[in-house]
Amino acid sequence: MPDGHGGLVHEYGGVYILAHFASTAPSGSADFLDDAVVYVGEGASLKRRWYDFERSANLGLPGHSGGHSHRAWAAESGATWQTLHVASYPIWFESEGATDAPASLARRFRLHVEQLLLWKLAAHRRGKTLHLLNVK
C-alpha cells in the first residue's frame, strides 16, 4: 500500500480498523463509525500486527487477542475472510525515527487515537446490538 510519502503504509506504526462488508467495501475514506467495523487496533508495525492477526484469526496461533476474538465470532456469525477489509492511519514522528519507546510521542499518540476511536464507537453503538471484538 503506497503512502504518498515514498514508503509503504504497512511499514509504519499506526491505528487500524477492520470491517466486514457483505459486498464491495465503500470507496473513499474509511468511516470508523460504520456498522461494519468489528475491530480497532494499534501497533508499532502495522505489517506485524496484521500478520499476527491473520495467524490468530485463521490458524488459532498466539500473537493477537483480536484475531482470536475474530476467529470465534466468525465461526458464529458466518463472516468470511473474503469480506474483511482494513483501513489504516499510519502515525510516525520524523524526529523520533523508528523508536517505539514507552515515552515516545508516536506510541502515546497511537494509543490515544485508538482509545478515542473506541470511545466514539462505544458511544455511537450504545443500545445497538453490533459486535465490536475489542476485549481489552
Protein backbone atom coordinates (compact mmCIF):
# COMPACT_ATOMS: atom_id res chain seq x y z
CA MET A 1 0.00 0.00 0.00
CA PRO A 2 1.76 3.19 -1.10
CA ASP A 3 1.56 6.00 1.43
CA GLY A 4 2.23 9.01 -0.81
CA HIS A 5 5.48 9.73 1.02
CA GLY A 6 7.79 7.32 -0.78
CA GLY A 7 7.13 4.41 1.56
CA LEU A 8 4.58 1.77 2.32
CA VAL A 9 1.82 2.29 4.88
CA HIS A 10 2.26 -1.12 6.50
CA GLU A 11 5.90 -0.37 7.32
CA TYR A 12 4.84 2.26 9.88
CA GLY A 13 3.14 2.07 13.21
CA GLY A 14 -0.38 3.35 13.49
CA VAL A 15 -4.03 2.65 14.14
CA TYR A 16 -6.22 0.40 12.01
CA ILE A 17 -9.84 -0.62 11.75
CA LEU A 18 -11.22 -3.90 10.47
CA ALA A 19 -14.66 -4.17 8.93
CA HIS A 20 -16.75 -6.82 7.22
CA PHE A 21 -18.78 -5.72 4.21
CA ALA A 22 -21.24 -8.19 2.66
CA SER A 23 -20.49 -6.76 -0.77
CA THR A 24 -17.84 -4.35 -2.02
CA ALA A 25 -16.30 -2.02 0.54
CA PRO A 26 -17.35 1.63 0.17
CA SER A 27 -14.98 3.84 -1.80
CA GLY A 28 -13.25 6.86 -0.32
CA SER A 29 -12.08 7.46 3.21
CA ALA A 30 -12.96 4.89 5.84
CA ASP A 31 -15.71 5.72 8.33
CA PHE A 32 -14.75 4.27 11.70
CA LEU A 33 -18.36 4.64 12.85
CA ASP A 34 -19.67 2.36 10.09
CA ASP A 35 -21.76 -0.50 11.44
CA ALA A 36 -19.47 -2.94 9.58
CA VAL A 37 -16.46 -2.11 11.81
CA VAL A 38 -15.62 -5.04 14.08
CA TYR A 39 -12.20 -4.15 15.50
CA VAL A 40 -9.90 -1.19 16.24
CA GLY A 41 -6.22 -1.85 16.84
CA GLU A 42 -2.82 -0.22 17.02
CA GLY A 43 0.78 -1.24 16.76
CA ALA A 44 4.36 -0.12 16.25
CA SER A 45 4.39 -2.04 12.95
CA LEU A 46 1.12 -2.35 11.06
CA LYS A 47 2.62 -5.12 8.94
CA ARG A 48 3.48 -7.17 12.04
CA ARG A 49 0.12 -6.57 13.73
CA TRP A 50 -1.79 -7.62 10.58
CA TYR A 51 0.38 -10.72 10.27
CA ASP A 52 -0.25 -11.61 13.93
CA PHE A 53 -3.99 -11.00 13.47
CA GLU A 54 -4.12 -13.26 10.41
CA ARG A 55 -2.25 -16.09 12.17
CA SER A 56 -4.50 -15.89 15.22
CA ALA A 57 -7.75 -15.49 13.25
CA ASN A 58 -7.08 -18.19 10.66
CA LEU A 59 -4.90 -20.69 12.48
CA GLY A 60 -5.66 -20.08 16.15
CA LEU A 61 -1.99 -19.36 16.86
CA PRO A 62 -0.89 -16.98 19.65
CA GLY A 63 0.01 -13.38 18.90
CA HIS A 64 -3.17 -11.30 18.63
CA SER A 65 -6.12 -11.40 21.03
CA GLY A 66 -8.32 -9.63 18.46
CA GLY A 67 -7.53 -12.38 15.99
CA HIS A 68 -8.74 -15.00 18.46
CA SER A 69 -11.90 -12.98 19.12
CA HIS A 70 -12.45 -12.69 15.36
CA ARG A 71 -11.98 -16.43 14.89
CA ALA A 72 -14.69 -17.23 17.45
CA TRP A 73 -17.05 -14.52 16.19
CA ALA A 74 -16.62 -15.51 12.53
CA ALA A 75 -17.46 -19.13 13.37
CA GLU A 76 -20.73 -17.95 14.97
CA SER A 77 -21.63 -15.19 12.50
CA GLY A 78 -20.57 -16.87 9.27
CA ALA A 79 -18.33 -13.92 8.33
CA THR A 80 -15.68 -14.91 5.81
CA TRP A 81 -12.10 -13.80 5.35
CA GLN A 82 -13.03 -12.52 1.87
CA THR A 83 -15.37 -9.88 3.33
CA LEU A 84 -12.79 -8.49 5.78
CA HIS A 85 -11.33 -5.08 4.91
CA VAL A 86 -8.71 -2.96 6.66
CA ALA A 87 -8.17 0.78 6.82
CA SER A 88 -5.08 2.27 8.42
CA TYR A 89 -3.91 5.54 9.87
CA PRO A 90 -0.09 5.43 9.93
CA ILE A 91 1.47 7.51 12.70
CA TRP A 92 5.11 8.47 12.94
CA PHE A 93 7.13 11.45 14.05
CA GLU A 94 10.15 12.00 11.84
CA SER A 95 12.17 13.47 14.70
CA GLU A 96 11.84 10.20 16.65
CA GLY A 97 12.89 7.83 13.90
CA ALA A 98 11.82 4.23 14.37
CA THR A 99 11.69 4.26 18.17
CA ASP A 100 8.69 2.80 19.98
CA ALA A 101 9.87 3.58 23.49
CA PRO A 102 7.04 3.82 26.06
CA ALA A 103 7.52 7.58 26.31
CA SER A 104 7.74 8.21 22.56
CA LEU A 105 5.24 10.65 21.07
CA ALA A 106 4.30 8.20 18.31
CA ARG A 107 3.40 5.45 20.77
CA ARG A 108 1.45 7.78 23.04
CA PHE A 109 -0.43 9.31 20.11
CA ARG A 110 -1.26 5.86 18.64
CA LEU A 111 -2.71 4.74 21.97
CA HIS A 112 -4.65 7.99 22.27
CA VAL A 113 -6.15 7.67 18.78
CA GLU A 114 -7.05 4.00 19.29
CA GLN A 115 -8.82 4.76 22.58
CA LEU A 116 -10.57 7.80 21.13
CA LEU A 117 -11.96 5.72 18.24
CA LEU A 118 -13.10 3.00 20.65
CA TRP A 119 -14.77 5.58 22.90
CA LYS A 120 -16.60 7.17 19.97
CA LEU A 121 -17.64 3.75 18.64
CA ALA A 122 -18.98 2.70 22.04
CA ALA A 123 -20.98 5.93 22.32
CA HIS A 124 -22.26 5.62 18.74
CA ARG A 125 -23.33 1.99 19.23
CA ARG A 126 -24.95 2.42 22.61
CA GLY A 127 -28.20 0.48 22.62
CA LYS A 128 -27.37 -1.32 19.36
CA THR A 129 -26.51 -4.99 19.06
CA LEU A 130 -23.46 -4.51 16.85
CA HIS A 131 -20.36 -6.55 17.53
CA LEU A 132 -17.04 -4.98 18.47
CA LEU A 133 -14.34 -7.57 19.04
CA ASN A 134 -12.07 -5.44 21.24
CA VAL A 135 -11.95 -7.04 24.66
CA LYS A 136 -9.03 -5.18 26.26
